Amino acid sequence: FIAMYFNALEPFISLTSAIYAGMTITGVVLCCISIAMISMTIGTHRVPLALWHQDPGNDKPQSIVTWGSYKYIRHPFYSAFIVAFIGAILIVPHWAIVALGLYTFLLLNYTASKEEKRLSKEAGSFGVEYTKYMEHTGRFIPKLSGGSNNMQL
């Protein structure tokens, strides 16, 4: 944002001031939505988060969070980051921001996939419960059919 402000990054497309103003306003709204999503998700955690990226032997999840944001999306924090990057691309329409946004999406998708595989293979009923949860919720956006509103875990 700072580089664009000082004209170090020029938009990759030619924009009229009215179109750019609309894109900027939309981008700011998306960034605000992202902050709201993060706040809502933080408020969802009545139980401590499993920090899956640590040594699995030291941080086994105790339960699946299926309320709040997690009722609709398996990775609401990641979704919030993606929404923020879409907002950033609208505010600073430059190839570097688009490339960074794409890289971030691919990294978040890879990380989510790795986490989901590990959680669905957990011993006991936990893995079965998580697999069932995956069937009813979207990874980054809510599923339109067979949604989690029908899910009773």
Protein backbone atom coordinates (compact mmCIF):
# COMPACT_ATOMS: atom_id res chain seq x y z
CA PHE A 1 0.00 0.00 0.00
CA ILE A 2 2.83 2.37 0.88
CA ALA A 3 4.64 1.64 -2.40
CA MET A 4 1.47 2.41 -4.35
CA TYR A 5 0.94 5.60 -2.37
CA PHE A 6 4.40 6.82 -3.36
CA ASN A 7 3.86 5.69 -6.99
CA ALA A 8 6.46 2.91 -6.73
CA LEU A 9 3.81 0.40 -7.88
CA GLU A 10 1.62 1.28 -10.80
CA PRO A 11 -1.63 -0.64 -11.42
CA PHE A 12 -1.27 -3.37 -14.05
CA ILE A 13 -4.42 -2.13 -15.78
CA SER A 14 -5.46 1.32 -16.84
CA LEU A 15 -8.19 2.55 -14.51
CA THR A 16 -10.36 5.62 -14.48
CA SER A 17 -10.48 7.39 -11.16
CA ALA A 18 -14.14 6.36 -10.69
CA ILE A 19 -13.40 2.67 -11.28
CA TYR A 20 -10.33 2.77 -9.05
CA ALA A 21 -12.32 4.52 -6.31
CA GLY A 22 -14.96 1.78 -6.51
CA MET A 23 -12.29 -0.91 -6.38
CA THR A 24 -10.64 0.77 -3.40
CA ILE A 25 -13.91 1.07 -1.49
CA THR A 26 -14.73 -2.58 -2.25
CA GLY A 27 -11.23 -3.62 -1.18
CA VAL A 28 -11.51 -1.73 2.11
CA VAL A 29 -14.92 -3.32 2.77
CA LEU A 30 -13.42 -6.77 2.12
CA CYS A 31 -10.53 -6.03 4.49
CA CYS A 32 -13.06 -4.99 7.16
CA ILE A 33 -15.01 -8.20 6.55
CA SER A 34 -11.76 -10.12 6.98
CA ILE A 35 -11.14 -8.45 10.35
CA ALA A 36 -14.72 -9.27 11.40
CA MET A 37 -14.23 -12.91 10.34
CA ILE A 38 -11.05 -13.14 12.42
CA SER A 39 -12.78 -11.58 15.43
CA MET A 40 -15.76 -13.92 15.12
CA THR A 41 -13.48 -16.93 14.84
CA ILE A 42 -11.40 -15.91 17.85
CA GLY A 43 -14.64 -15.57 19.80
CA THR A 44 -15.62 -19.11 18.75
CA HIS A 45 -12.80 -20.77 20.68
CA ARG A 46 -14.25 -21.94 23.96
CA VAL A 47 -11.60 -24.65 23.93
CA PRO A 48 -7.89 -24.07 23.19
CA LEU A 49 -6.85 -24.44 19.57
CA ALA A 50 -4.90 -27.50 18.53
CA LEU A 51 -1.67 -26.16 17.08
CA TRP A 52 -1.43 -28.83 14.40
CA HIS A 53 1.85 -27.48 13.07
CA GLN A 54 3.66 -28.42 16.26
CA ASP A 55 4.92 -31.90 17.00
CA PRO A 56 1.79 -34.07 16.65
CA GLY A 57 2.73 -36.04 19.76
CA ASN A 58 2.55 -32.88 21.86
CA ASP A 59 -0.63 -31.33 20.54
CA LYS A 60 -3.44 -33.78 19.92
CA PRO A 61 -6.81 -32.04 19.48
CA GLN A 62 -9.32 -32.85 22.20
CA SER A 63 -12.45 -32.04 20.20
CA ILE A 64 -13.69 -30.66 16.91
CA VAL A 65 -14.97 -27.10 16.95
CA THR A 66 -18.24 -27.11 14.97
CA TRP A 67 -19.90 -23.95 16.20
CA GLY A 68 -19.52 -20.28 15.28
CA SER A 69 -17.55 -19.79 12.08
CA TYR A 70 -16.61 -23.47 12.02
CA LYS A 71 -20.25 -24.43 11.57
CA TYR A 72 -19.93 -23.29 7.95
CA ILE A 73 -16.20 -23.27 7.11
CA ARG A 74 -13.44 -25.63 8.24
CA HIS A 75 -10.72 -22.96 8.06
CA PRO A 76 -12.27 -19.55 8.85
CA PHE A 77 -8.92 -17.95 9.71
CA TYR A 78 -7.53 -18.97 6.31
CA SER A 79 -10.73 -17.73 4.65
CA ALA A 80 -10.28 -14.37 6.35
CA PHE A 81 -6.71 -14.13 5.02
CA ILE A 82 -7.92 -14.93 1.49
CA VAL A 83 -10.64 -12.27 1.72
CA ALA A 84 -8.04 -9.76 2.93
CA PHE A 85 -5.78 -10.56 -0.05
CA ILE A 86 -8.67 -10.12 -2.47
CA GLY A 87 -9.27 -6.73 -0.84
CA ALA A 88 -5.57 -5.90 -1.15
CA ILE A 89 -5.58 -6.80 -4.86
CA LEU A 90 -8.51 -4.43 -5.40
CA ILE A 91 -6.79 -1.66 -3.46
CA VAL A 92 -3.36 -2.22 -5.05
CA PRO A 93 -3.96 -3.83 -8.46
CA HIS A 94 -0.37 -4.78 -9.21
CA TRP A 95 1.09 -8.05 -10.46
CA ALA A 96 3.27 -8.38 -7.35
CA ILE A 97 0.19 -8.29 -5.11
CA VAL A 98 -1.67 -10.74 -7.36
CA ALA A 99 1.34 -13.10 -7.32
CA LEU A 100 1.67 -12.83 -3.54
CA GLY A 101 -2.09 -13.44 -3.15
CA LEU A 102 -1.93 -16.52 -5.39
CA TYR A 103 1.10 -17.85 -3.51
CA THR A 104 -0.69 -17.28 -0.20
CA PHE A 105 -3.82 -19.08 -1.44
CA LEU A 106 -1.79 -22.06 -2.66
CA LEU A 107 0.14 -22.22 0.62
CA LEU A 108 -3.05 -22.00 2.71
CA ASN A 109 -4.73 -24.66 0.56
CA TYR A 110 -1.71 -26.97 0.94
CA THR A 111 -1.58 -26.38 4.69
CA ALA A 112 -5.33 -26.96 5.11
CA SER A 113 -5.14 -30.16 3.07
CA LYS A 114 -2.25 -31.46 5.17
CA GLU A 115 -4.10 -30.62 8.40
CA GLU A 116 -7.32 -32.27 7.19
CA LYS A 117 -5.51 -35.47 6.23
CA ARG A 118 -3.89 -35.67 9.65
CA LEU A 119 -7.12 -34.96 11.54
CA SER A 120 -9.20 -37.42 9.50
CA LYS A 121 -6.66 -40.17 10.27
CA GLU A 122 -6.71 -39.61 14.06
CA ALA A 123 -7.33 -42.73 16.11
CA GLY A 124 -10.72 -43.61 17.52
CA SER A 125 -13.91 -41.80 16.72
CA PHE A 126 -12.13 -38.46 16.24
CA GLY A 127 -11.06 -39.24 12.66
CA VAL A 128 -14.52 -40.48 11.73
CA GLU A 129 -16.10 -37.41 13.32
CA TYR A 130 -13.74 -35.08 11.43
CA THR A 131 -14.38 -36.87 8.13
CA LYS A 132 -18.12 -36.45 8.69
CA TYR A 133 -17.55 -32.77 9.51
CA MET A 134 -15.60 -32.35 6.25
CA GLU A 135 -18.54 -33.73 4.27
CA HIS A 136 -20.82 -30.97 5.58
CA THR A 137 -18.55 -27.92 5.53
CA GLY A 138 -16.48 -26.18 2.90
CA ARG A 139 -12.77 -25.69 3.25
CA PHE A 140 -12.75 -21.91 2.67
CA ILE A 141 -16.33 -21.08 1.67
CA PRO A 142 -19.59 -22.59 2.95
CA LYS A 143 -21.03 -25.50 0.99
CA LEU A 144 -24.22 -24.56 -0.80
CA SER A 145 -25.81 -28.01 -0.62
CA GLY A 146 -25.70 -30.57 2.15
CA GLY A 147 -24.52 -27.81 4.45
CA SER A 148 -23.62 -28.03 8.09
CA ASN A 149 -27.02 -26.77 9.22
CA ASN A 150 -28.19 -30.38 8.97
CA MET A 151 -25.15 -31.69 10.82
CA GLN A 152 -25.48 -33.05 14.32
CA LEU A 153 -22.11 -34.03 15.80
